Each structure stands twice: as C-alpha cells, then as structure tokens.
Protein backbone atom coordinates (compact mmCIF):
# COMPACT_ATOMS: atom_id res chain seq x y z
CA UNK A 1 0.00 0.00 0.00
CA UNK A 2 1.30 3.47 -0.92
CA UNK A 3 0.98 6.73 1.00
CA UNK A 4 -0.33 8.61 -2.04
CA UNK A 5 -3.13 6.11 -2.51
CA UNK A 6 -4.17 6.44 1.14
CA UNK A 7 -4.13 10.24 0.93
CA UNK A 8 -6.51 10.08 -2.02
CA UNK A 9 -8.80 7.66 -0.23
CA UNK A 10 -8.70 9.78 2.92
CA UNK A 11 -9.73 12.88 1.00
CA UNK A 12 -12.68 10.99 -0.50
CA UNK A 13 -13.82 9.25 2.68
CA UNK A 14 -13.20 11.66 5.58
CA UNK A 15 -14.09 15.34 6.13
CA UNK A 16 -11.56 18.13 5.73
CA UNK A 17 -12.35 19.35 9.25
CA UNK A 18 -10.23 16.51 10.61
CA UNK A 19 -6.92 18.17 9.76
CA UNK A 20 -4.00 15.81 9.14
CA UNK A 21 -0.42 17.07 9.38
CA UNK A 22 1.51 14.28 7.69
CA UNK A 23 1.03 12.89 4.20
CA UNK A 24 2.28 9.45 5.18
CA UNK A 25 0.53 6.65 7.07
CA UNK A 26 1.82 4.78 10.10
CA UNK A 27 2.51 1.07 9.84
CA UNK A 28 4.40 0.28 13.05
CA UNK A 29 6.22 2.01 15.90
CA UNK A 30 8.62 1.22 18.70
CA UNK A 31 9.60 3.51 21.58
CA UNK A 32 10.50 6.84 19.88
CA UNK A 33 10.57 5.56 16.29
CA UNK A 34 7.81 5.17 13.72
CA UNK A 35 7.72 3.56 10.27
CA UNK A 36 5.20 4.35 7.53
CA UNK A 37 3.51 1.94 5.11
CA UNK A 38 6.37 2.40 2.62
CA UNK A 39 9.03 1.58 5.21
CA UNK A 40 10.27 5.12 5.82
CA UNK A 41 11.53 5.73 9.37
CA UNK A 42 10.79 8.76 11.53
CA UNK A 43 11.87 9.86 14.99
CA UNK A 44 8.70 10.79 16.83
CA UNK A 45 8.95 14.09 18.69
CA UNK A 46 5.14 14.46 18.62
CA UNK A 47 4.29 11.33 20.63
CA UNK A 48 0.62 11.42 19.69
CA UNK A 49 0.45 15.00 21.06
CA UNK A 50 2.08 14.29 24.43
CA UNK A 51 0.38 10.91 24.91
CA UNK A 52 3.41 8.65 24.75
CA UNK A 53 5.65 9.64 27.65
CA UNK A 54 6.30 5.90 28.05
CA UNK A 55 6.93 5.49 24.31
CA UNK A 56 5.28 3.45 21.61
CA UNK A 57 4.38 -0.10 22.62
CA UNK A 58 6.13 -0.29 25.97
CA UNK A 59 6.26 -4.04 26.83
CA UNK A 60 4.75 -3.49 30.28
CA UNK A 61 1.74 -1.69 28.81
CA UNK A 62 1.24 -4.36 26.15
CA UNK A 63 1.34 -7.06 28.80
CA UNK A 64 -1.13 -5.23 31.06
CA UNK A 65 -3.68 -4.71 28.30
CA UNK A 66 -3.35 -8.28 27.04
CA UNK A 67 -3.86 -9.69 30.53
CA UNK A 68 -6.95 -7.55 31.07
CA UNK A 69 -8.36 -8.52 27.66
CA UNK A 70 -8.15 -12.17 28.68
CA UNK A 71 -10.41 -11.41 31.68
CA UNK A 72 -12.95 -8.87 30.34
CA UNK A 73 -12.84 -5.82 28.08
CA UNK A 74 -15.89 -3.83 29.19
CA UNK A 75 -18.71 -3.85 31.71
CA UNK A 76 -19.35 -0.10 32.12
CA UNK A 77 -18.03 0.77 35.56
CA UNK A 78 -21.36 2.30 36.61
CA UNK A 79 -23.09 -1.04 35.92
CA UNK A 80 -20.60 -3.65 37.07
CA UNK A 81 -17.57 -2.09 38.82
CA UNK A 82 -14.08 -3.59 39.00
CA UNK A 83 -11.29 -3.34 41.54
CA UNK A 84 -8.68 -1.95 39.13
CA UNK A 85 -10.66 1.31 38.79
CA UNK A 86 -10.69 1.79 42.57
CA UNK A 87 -7.02 0.86 42.88
CA UNK A 88 -6.01 3.37 40.20
CA UNK A 89 -8.06 6.08 41.90
CA UNK A 90 -6.17 5.34 45.11
CA UNK A 91 -2.84 5.69 43.29
CA UNK A 92 -3.84 9.01 41.72
CA UNK A 93 -5.18 10.34 45.02
CA UNK A 94 -1.85 9.54 46.68
CA UNK A 95 0.22 11.22 43.96
CA UNK A 96 -1.76 14.29 42.93
CA UNK A 97 -0.80 17.64 44.45
CA UNK A 98 -2.48 18.70 47.69
CA UNK A 99 -2.21 17.65 51.33
CA UNK A 100 -5.90 16.89 51.72
CA UNK A 101 -8.26 13.96 51.23
CA UNK A 102 -8.88 13.39 47.52
CA UNK A 103 -11.18 11.40 45.27
CA UNK A 104 -10.79 10.61 41.55
CA UNK A 105 -13.27 9.86 38.78
CA UNK A 106 -12.24 8.50 35.38
CA UNK A 107 -13.46 9.48 31.92
CA UNK A 108 -12.26 8.92 28.36
CA UNK A 109 -10.81 12.12 26.86
CA UNK A 110 -9.16 15.27 28.12
CA UNK A 111 -12.14 17.32 27.00
CA UNK A 112 -14.42 15.05 29.06
CA UNK A 113 -12.21 15.59 32.10
CA UNK A 114 -12.45 19.36 31.66
CA UNK A 115 -16.22 19.26 31.12
CA UNK A 116 -16.68 17.20 34.25
CA UNK A 117 -14.37 19.40 36.30
CA UNK A 118 -16.60 22.35 35.43
CA UNK A 119 -19.71 20.31 36.30
CA UNK A 120 -18.19 19.35 39.65
CA UNK A 121 -17.15 22.94 40.40
CA UNK A 122 -20.62 24.26 39.61
CA UNK A 123 -22.26 21.56 41.71
CA UNK A 124 -19.93 22.25 44.64
CA UNK A 125 -20.28 26.05 44.60
CA UNK A 126 -23.77 26.57 43.21
CA UNK A 127 -22.24 29.15 40.87
CA UNK A 128 -22.16 29.26 37.04
CA UNK A 129 -19.16 31.41 36.08
CA UNK A 130 -15.75 30.21 34.90
CA UNK A 131 -12.59 32.21 34.19
CA UNK A 132 -10.03 30.89 31.70
CA UNK A 133 -7.05 32.41 29.90
CA UNK A 134 -6.08 33.57 26.44
CA UNK A 135 -3.97 31.00 24.64
CA UNK A 136 -5.31 28.17 26.76
CA UNK A 137 -6.60 24.96 25.19
CA UNK A 138 -9.18 22.88 27.02
CA UNK A 139 -10.78 20.66 24.37
CA UNK A 140 -13.06 20.53 21.35
CA UNK A 141 -16.44 20.02 23.04
CA UNK A 142 -18.74 23.03 23.36
CA UNK A 143 -17.61 23.88 26.89
CA UNK A 144 -14.03 23.00 25.97
CA UNK A 145 -14.16 25.44 23.05
CA UNK A 146 -15.78 28.10 25.23
CA UNK A 147 -12.89 27.81 27.69
CA UNK A 148 -10.21 27.66 24.98
CA UNK A 149 -8.56 31.02 24.37
CA UNK A 150 -7.70 30.53 20.70
CA UNK A 151 -10.23 31.13 17.93
CA UNK A 152 -8.47 29.69 14.85
CA UNK A 153 -8.94 26.84 14.13
CA UNK A 154 -10.87 25.64 17.18
CA UNK A 155 -13.84 28.01 17.36
CA UNK A 156 -14.40 29.14 13.78
CA UNK A 157 -17.98 28.51 12.70
CA UNK A 158 -19.01 26.57 15.80
CA UNK A 159 -20.66 29.18 18.04
CA UNK A 160 -22.53 30.20 20.03
CA UNK A 161 -20.76 28.72 23.01
CA UNK A 162 -21.90 28.18 26.60
CA UNK A 163 -22.23 31.40 28.54
CA UNK A 164 -20.70 32.62 31.80
CA UNK A 165 -17.15 31.97 30.51
CA UNK A 166 -14.66 34.85 30.77
CA UNK A 167 -11.08 35.21 29.56
CA UNK A 168 -8.06 37.07 30.90
CA UNK A 169 -4.58 37.33 29.33
CA UNK A 170 -2.03 34.73 30.40
CA UNK A 171 1.40 36.01 31.48
CA UNK A 172 3.83 36.13 28.56
CA UNK A 173 6.87 38.36 29.01
CA UNK A 174 8.03 37.93 25.39
CA UNK A 175 4.75 39.44 24.20
CA UNK A 176 4.56 42.11 26.87
CA UNK A 177 2.04 40.57 29.28
CA UNK A 178 3.29 40.71 32.85
CA UNK A 179 1.98 38.76 35.81
CA UNK A 180 0.42 41.95 37.15
CA UNK A 181 -1.21 42.64 33.76
CA UNK A 182 -2.87 39.23 33.89
CA UNK A 183 -3.98 39.55 37.50
CA UNK A 184 -5.27 43.06 36.91
CA UNK A 185 -7.37 41.69 34.05
CA UNK A 186 -8.88 39.07 36.35
CA UNK A 187 -9.73 41.76 38.88
CA UNK A 188 -11.20 43.89 36.09
CA UNK A 189 -13.51 41.01 35.18
CA UNK A 190 -14.89 41.27 38.71
CA UNK A 191 -15.53 44.98 38.17
CA UNK A 192 -16.91 44.93 34.62
CA UNK A 193 -18.20 41.47 33.73
CA UNK A 194 -19.01 39.11 36.59
CA UNK A 195 -19.53 39.27 40.34
CA UNK A 196 -16.85 37.02 41.89
CA UNK A 197 -19.66 35.47 43.96
CA UNK A 198 -20.98 34.06 40.68
CA UNK A 199 -17.66 32.45 39.68
CA UNK A 200 -17.37 28.71 40.31
CA UNK A 201 -13.83 28.17 39.08
CA UNK A 202 -10.68 29.55 37.53
CA UNK A 203 -9.11 27.04 35.14
CA UNK A 204 -5.55 27.32 33.83
CA UNK A 205 -2.71 25.23 32.41
CA UNK A 206 0.46 25.32 34.56
CA UNK A 207 2.28 25.23 31.23
CA UNK A 208 0.11 26.22 28.27
CA UNK A 209 0.30 23.49 25.65
CA UNK A 210 -1.32 24.58 22.42
CA UNK A 211 -0.73 28.19 23.47
CA UNK A 212 3.04 27.85 23.08
CA UNK A 213 4.47 26.05 26.15
CA UNK A 214 4.16 29.23 28.19
CA UNK A 215 5.16 28.44 31.78
CA UNK A 216 3.06 29.98 34.54
CA UNK A 217 5.28 32.14 36.78
CA UNK A 218 5.13 30.89 40.40
CA UNK A 219 3.89 34.25 41.67
CA UNK A 220 1.02 34.08 39.17
CA UNK A 221 -0.11 30.67 40.41
CA UNK A 222 0.15 31.74 44.05
CA UNK A 223 -1.91 34.85 43.26
CA UNK A 224 -4.60 32.79 41.55
CA UNK A 225 -4.77 30.60 44.64
CA UNK A 226 -5.14 33.69 46.80
CA UNK A 227 -7.90 35.15 44.59
CA UNK A 228 -9.78 31.86 44.71
CA UNK A 229 -9.46 31.64 48.48
CA UNK A 230 -10.64 35.23 48.89
CA UNK A 231 -13.81 34.72 46.86
CA UNK A 232 -14.66 31.05 47.48
CA UNK A 233 -13.69 30.09 43.92
CA UNK A 234 -12.26 26.68 43.03
CA UNK A 235 -8.88 26.51 41.26
CA UNK A 236 -8.67 23.93 38.46
CA UNK A 237 -5.26 22.91 37.09
CA UNK A 238 -5.57 21.47 33.58
CA UNK A 239 -2.72 18.94 33.56
CA UNK A 240 -3.92 17.03 30.50
CA UNK A 241 -0.67 17.76 28.66
CA UNK A 242 1.67 18.52 31.56
CA UNK A 243 0.95 15.43 33.65
CA UNK A 244 2.85 12.19 34.11
CA UNK A 245 6.45 13.32 33.97
CA UNK A 246 6.47 15.81 31.10
CA UNK A 247 7.69 18.76 33.19
CA UNK A 248 10.30 17.04 35.36
CA UNK A 249 7.69 16.29 38.01
CA UNK A 250 4.83 13.78 37.96
CA UNK A 251 2.46 16.77 37.89
CA UNK A 252 3.44 20.30 36.88
CA UNK A 253 1.74 21.76 39.98
CA UNK A 254 4.56 20.22 42.04
CA UNK A 255 6.71 23.12 40.79
CA UNK A 256 4.57 25.58 42.74
CA UNK A 257 3.93 26.11 46.43
CA UNK A 258 0.15 25.81 46.23
CA UNK A 259 -2.36 23.12 45.33
CA UNK A 260 -5.38 23.23 43.04
CA UNK A 261 -8.79 22.12 44.22
CA UNK A 262 -9.30 20.02 41.10
CA UNK A 263 -6.81 18.54 38.60
CA UNK A 264 -7.68 17.26 35.13
CA UNK A 265 -5.45 14.69 33.44
CA UNK A 266 -5.44 12.51 30.32
CA UNK A 267 -2.94 11.97 27.45
CA UNK A 268 0.03 10.10 29.00
CA UNK A 269 -2.08 8.84 31.91
CA UNK A 270 -2.66 5.57 30.02
CA UNK A 271 0.15 5.67 27.46
CA UNK A 272 -2.03 5.67 24.35
CA UNK A 273 -5.21 4.10 25.66
CA UNK A 274 -8.15 6.54 25.96
CA UNK A 275 -8.42 7.51 29.61
CA UNK A 276 -8.81 10.77 31.52
CA UNK A 277 -9.50 11.72 35.11
CA UNK A 278 -10.54 14.45 37.50
CA UNK A 279 -8.92 14.35 40.93
CA UNK A 280 -9.76 16.79 43.66
CA UNK A 281 -10.79 17.56 47.19
CA UNK A 282 -13.03 14.79 48.42
CA UNK A 283 -15.85 17.08 49.53
CA UNK A 284 -15.80 18.89 46.18
CA UNK A 285 -15.73 15.67 44.17
CA UNK A 286 -18.71 14.40 46.17
CA UNK A 287 -20.87 17.42 45.25
CA UNK A 288 -22.62 15.88 42.19
CA UNK A 289 -25.44 13.47 43.04
CA UNK A 290 -25.13 9.75 42.18
CA UNK A 291 -25.52 9.37 38.43
CA UNK A 292 -24.33 12.91 37.75
CA UNK A 293 -20.90 11.73 36.62
CA UNK A 294 -19.87 8.88 34.35
CA UNK A 295 -19.96 7.69 30.76
CA UNK A 296 -20.33 4.42 28.89
CA UNK A 297 -16.59 4.05 28.32
CA UNK A 298 -15.43 6.11 31.30
CA UNK A 299 -12.67 4.21 33.08
CA UNK A 300 -12.57 1.40 30.51
CA UNK A 301 -10.80 -1.61 32.08
CA UNK A 302 -8.24 -1.93 29.27
CA UNK A 303 -7.24 1.72 29.66
CA UNK A 304 -7.21 1.40 33.44
CA UNK A 305 -4.84 -1.58 33.16
CA UNK A 306 -2.56 0.44 30.91
CA UNK A 307 -2.55 3.35 33.37
CA UNK A 308 -1.46 1.08 36.22
CA UNK A 309 1.46 -0.01 34.02
CA UNK A 310 2.29 3.60 33.13
CA UNK A 311 2.67 4.55 36.80
CA UNK A 312 4.84 1.50 37.44
CA UNK A 313 7.07 2.26 34.43
CA UNK A 314 7.42 5.95 35.32
CA UNK A 315 8.56 5.08 38.83
CA UNK A 316 10.66 1.98 38.18
CA UNK A 317 12.47 3.44 35.17
CA UNK A 318 12.79 6.88 36.83
CA UNK A 319 11.32 8.54 33.76
CA UNK A 320 10.44 11.77 35.57
CA UNK A 321 14.13 12.36 36.29
CA UNK A 322 15.04 11.09 32.82
CA UNK A 323 12.69 13.63 31.26
CA UNK A 324 14.29 16.48 33.17
CA UNK A 325 17.74 15.38 31.97
CA UNK A 326 16.60 15.09 28.34
CA UNK A 327 14.95 18.48 28.55
CA UNK A 328 18.22 20.01 29.75
CA UNK A 329 20.06 18.45 26.80
CA UNK A 330 17.53 19.83 24.35
CA UNK A 331 17.57 23.29 25.92
CA UNK A 332 21.38 23.40 25.79
CA UNK A 333 21.38 22.32 22.15
CA UNK A 334 18.90 25.06 21.23
CA UNK A 335 20.70 27.74 23.23
CA UNK A 336 23.97 26.81 21.50
CA UNK A 337 22.34 27.57 18.14
CA UNK A 338 20.98 31.01 19.04
CA UNK A 339 23.99 32.92 17.73
CA UNK A 340 23.65 31.18 14.35
CA UNK A 341 19.85 31.23 14.11
CA UNK A 342 18.73 34.83 14.65
CA UNK A 343 15.08 33.82 14.34
CA UNK A 344 15.25 32.16 17.78
CA UNK A 345 13.53 34.62 20.10
CA UNK A 346 13.16 32.41 23.15
CA UNK A 347 13.83 28.89 24.36
CA UNK A 348 11.53 28.09 27.26
CA UNK A 349 9.84 25.35 29.19
CA UNK A 350 10.35 23.13 32.18
CA UNK A 351 11.55 19.54 32.38
CA UNK A 352 10.97 17.78 29.05
CA UNK A 353 8.28 20.31 28.05
CA UNK A 354 10.52 22.56 25.95
CA UNK A 355 9.65 24.90 23.08
CA UNK A 356 11.41 27.42 20.84
CA UNK A 357 9.71 30.56 19.54
CA UNK A 358 10.74 32.29 16.32
CA UNK A 359 10.52 35.96 15.39
CA UNK A 360 11.55 38.13 12.46
CA UNK A 361 14.23 40.81 12.76
CA UNK A 362 11.61 43.39 13.74
CA UNK A 363 10.23 41.20 16.53
CA UNK A 364 7.13 39.95 14.72
CA UNK A 365 6.06 36.29 15.05
CA UNK A 366 7.74 34.26 12.28
CA UNK A 367 5.26 31.53 11.40
CA UNK A 368 6.83 31.01 7.97
CA UNK A 369 10.25 30.16 9.39
CA UNK A 370 8.51 27.81 11.84
CA UNK A 371 6.83 25.98 8.94
CA UNK A 372 10.14 25.76 7.09
CA UNK A 373 11.95 24.23 10.08
CA UNK A 374 9.13 21.77 10.65
CA UNK A 375 9.09 20.80 6.96
CA UNK A 376 12.86 20.39 6.71
CA UNK A 377 12.91 18.24 9.85
CA UNK A 378 10.14 16.04 8.46
CA UNK A 379 12.09 15.54 5.23
CA UNK A 380 15.04 14.41 7.33
CA UNK A 381 12.89 12.01 9.36
CA UNK A 382 12.07 14.03 12.51
CA UNK A 383 8.44 14.61 13.41
CA UNK A 384 7.84 17.99 15.11
CA UNK A 385 4.71 19.88 16.18
CA UNK A 386 4.10 23.61 16.02
CA UNK A 387 1.93 25.59 18.43
CA UNK A 388 1.39 29.09 19.76
CA UNK A 389 -1.27 31.70 19.15
CA UNK A 390 0.74 32.96 16.16
CA UNK A 391 1.86 29.53 14.92
CA UNK A 392 5.50 30.49 15.46
CA UNK A 393 6.51 27.99 18.16
CA UNK A 394 7.89 24.46 17.83
CA UNK A 395 7.24 22.21 20.81
CA UNK A 396 9.13 19.04 21.62
CA UNK A 397 7.24 16.02 22.94
CA UNK A 398 9.67 13.13 22.64
CA UNK A 399 8.93 9.98 24.67
CA UNK A 400 10.76 10.00 27.98
CA UNK A 401 11.93 6.47 27.12
CA UNK A 402 13.90 7.62 24.04
CA UNK A 403 17.38 6.12 23.85
CA UNK A 404 20.46 8.33 23.96
CA UNK A 405 21.46 7.35 20.42
CA UNK A 406 18.07 8.26 18.95
CA UNK A 407 18.02 11.50 20.94
CA UNK A 408 21.47 12.41 19.57
CA UNK A 409 20.27 11.66 16.05
CA UNK A 410 17.19 13.83 16.54
CA UNK A 411 19.20 16.76 17.90
CA UNK A 412 21.51 16.58 14.88
CA UNK A 413 18.52 16.65 12.51
CA UNK A 414 17.04 19.57 14.44
CA UNK A 415 20.28 21.54 14.16
CA UNK A 416 20.52 20.85 10.43
CA UNK A 417 16.90 21.93 9.95
CA UNK A 418 17.41 25.18 11.84
CA UNK A 419 20.60 26.02 9.98
CA UNK A 420 19.54 24.92 6.47
C-alpha cells in the first residue's frame, strides 16, 4: 500500500475538518521511532500530542492490556464495577498535588475531564461562572471550546458557546504581558463582567500546551490561589498535557507552592489508551449526586490496566528524572544555536516540556520560518509539532523512554533543519 493512494482515499472518505499534518501513514512504531507503510523511518517528537511519555508499545503496557483482555474488556463501571478502577483512583489520590483527602473519577478524553471538572465545580459552589485564559486549550467540546482562548482553528464557525465563561490574558513576558497585567485583568472582570460570587472556578494550564508552552510564573499561580481563596472560587489545574512526567515532576503543579482544588489529566495517563481523570478535594468531588458523573466508556478496564502499568514504568524506570535530563540536553542544544539562528527569540519550558519561539528581525512572530523548520525536519525524518497563538513555536514532545542514540540523532537533525 502506498501513501499517495491512502491520501486520495482519505480525501474521498473523511471530512476536511479533521486536519492531518503528515502525508504518510503509520505502519508500526517502537519507543520513539515510527515507520510508515512504505518503510520510511521517523523519529517521533510528537508522541501522539504528548500521549506517549512511556513510548510506543512499551512491553509493560502491552502485557497489562493483554492480561486484562483475557479477563474482560468492558462492563461499564457504573453497571458492574471492578477493583482496578478503585485501585487506580487510590494511586492518583496519593500522587496528585495537595495535602488533603482526595477522590478521583475516570473518563475517556481530556475534554471530558475538563467538562466534568466544570460540572463538579458548579455543583460544589452553586455558581455558574468560569474564568479561563487567552492561549489556553481545554478541548473541542462546546464547553471546551468556550474555555479555549484561541479562535483559529478551534472556534471558527461553531458558536454560540456556553455562557458565563470569561477570559483574561495569560502572562507572557516575550509578548509584553506581565503577571500583574494578567492579575489586573482578572480583577477587572470582577468589576466589569461578573460578580466574583458568581464564579465557580478559575481554570488554567500550569504550562500552556497549544498556546506555546508558556510556563506559569510561580507568583502568578500563588496569586490565583489567593484570589480563589478570597472569593470562594475553586482553582482547576488542567494537567492534561503537563501530567505524568512531562515537566520534570509527575504533575506540573509540584513546581509551585500551592495546590489546586481540582486537577484534570489525560494523554500520557494511560500511554495511548483513551483515559482521563478528574482528581480533587473529596468534599468537592462528592458534590454531584449519584448518576451525575460517568460515561459508557469512562474508566474502561483496558485503559485502566494500561494506566497502572504507566505509573509503574514511570517510577521503576525513573522517567520523571530522565525527562528532566533530556529536557536540559535539548535546551542546551537550542541555546547553543541562538547565535547562528537569529530567528530564535526564546527557548523556554520546564523539564521535558521545551519549546522554541521564532521571530523576524523586527520582533514579529515568524510563522513562515517555523513551517520551514518543521518541513525540513520532516524531510530528514524528525516529526515535530508547532503551536502558539501565532503559529511560530515548535514544541518538543519526545517519549521519555527515548534512547540516547536516537536523541542524539534527533538533535543533529534539528540543528541541520534550523541552519539549512
């Protein structure tokens, strides 16, 4: 089978709204490498959009899913429960940030986790309002799109969106938004748009993913916690992309001195199997009435089995520490190129969640150079993702299990692509 034939069939059979970046089709993958149907090899620095922190086809995950499949594949947890769901909830409760009693509910996608976090916050507070941030990405459902602070391509043509959602700018020093600017905008919302007594939650990403890997300054997170405490608002940390070792900690909120009331997670939680979760204060999680939370596939036993294996692999193989070391190597390689690549405006991130932003000589976002680097890398066999409100950021999402030799090869390709 040829890639060109599949592209033609895809165009005829599937809608254009499902955008596809690559013009080749996967055949097999192993750890940080992927081969297409024509046998071409690629180093995968996309990892299914941050899903594969434990790499493609980790043997422990394969074994866990196979063993579960031999017992049962689905009962719907709300109909016939199973111990593995409860045991995974216990593990998450013990590891999530916050020195308080926690409970966890499982769902299927990151967007579902976000939707349910908002439902839980509204049930717990009796309030409708939610504050989110520009550049944030929280999913493709109607509430997810309402919360997302990026119009193109996520919101175009899909409105109107759920009401009582308000946006403030997210701190971004490169683009002239200070911490105080962002906090002042939140306070201005309370003056001009919504009574803080009507706000159920403030939701934010500790490191914005789609928005450009913008890291929340510690003083910003502490101030959000203070604002929430002052007004009885719940703080939701969206850790869908940052969770499970990506930032040099199991959860990104470990980098700060405060805890959220609710945490959403998905992506690398189950290493490629569809699973998400909301973990939070026990009394908040208990606010919805029985039957108010759930889903037919929520907490599917195969995905739950994979998640147990993910936690074991992360801890036994010390992948959180490994990610931090790999992130340092990548950052150093990018910084070493700055004098020869004037388009590099900033290298930023934390742990293995690193990005590089490009600008023109006059300081404007350089989306064209970003596309060129991405295209040249792909021609050389390195799969990269772009992001950022202006499309001028390349983010790096290599599996934390990547071998040193493949990492060295990828860094060489990246340097060639930047200098070409």
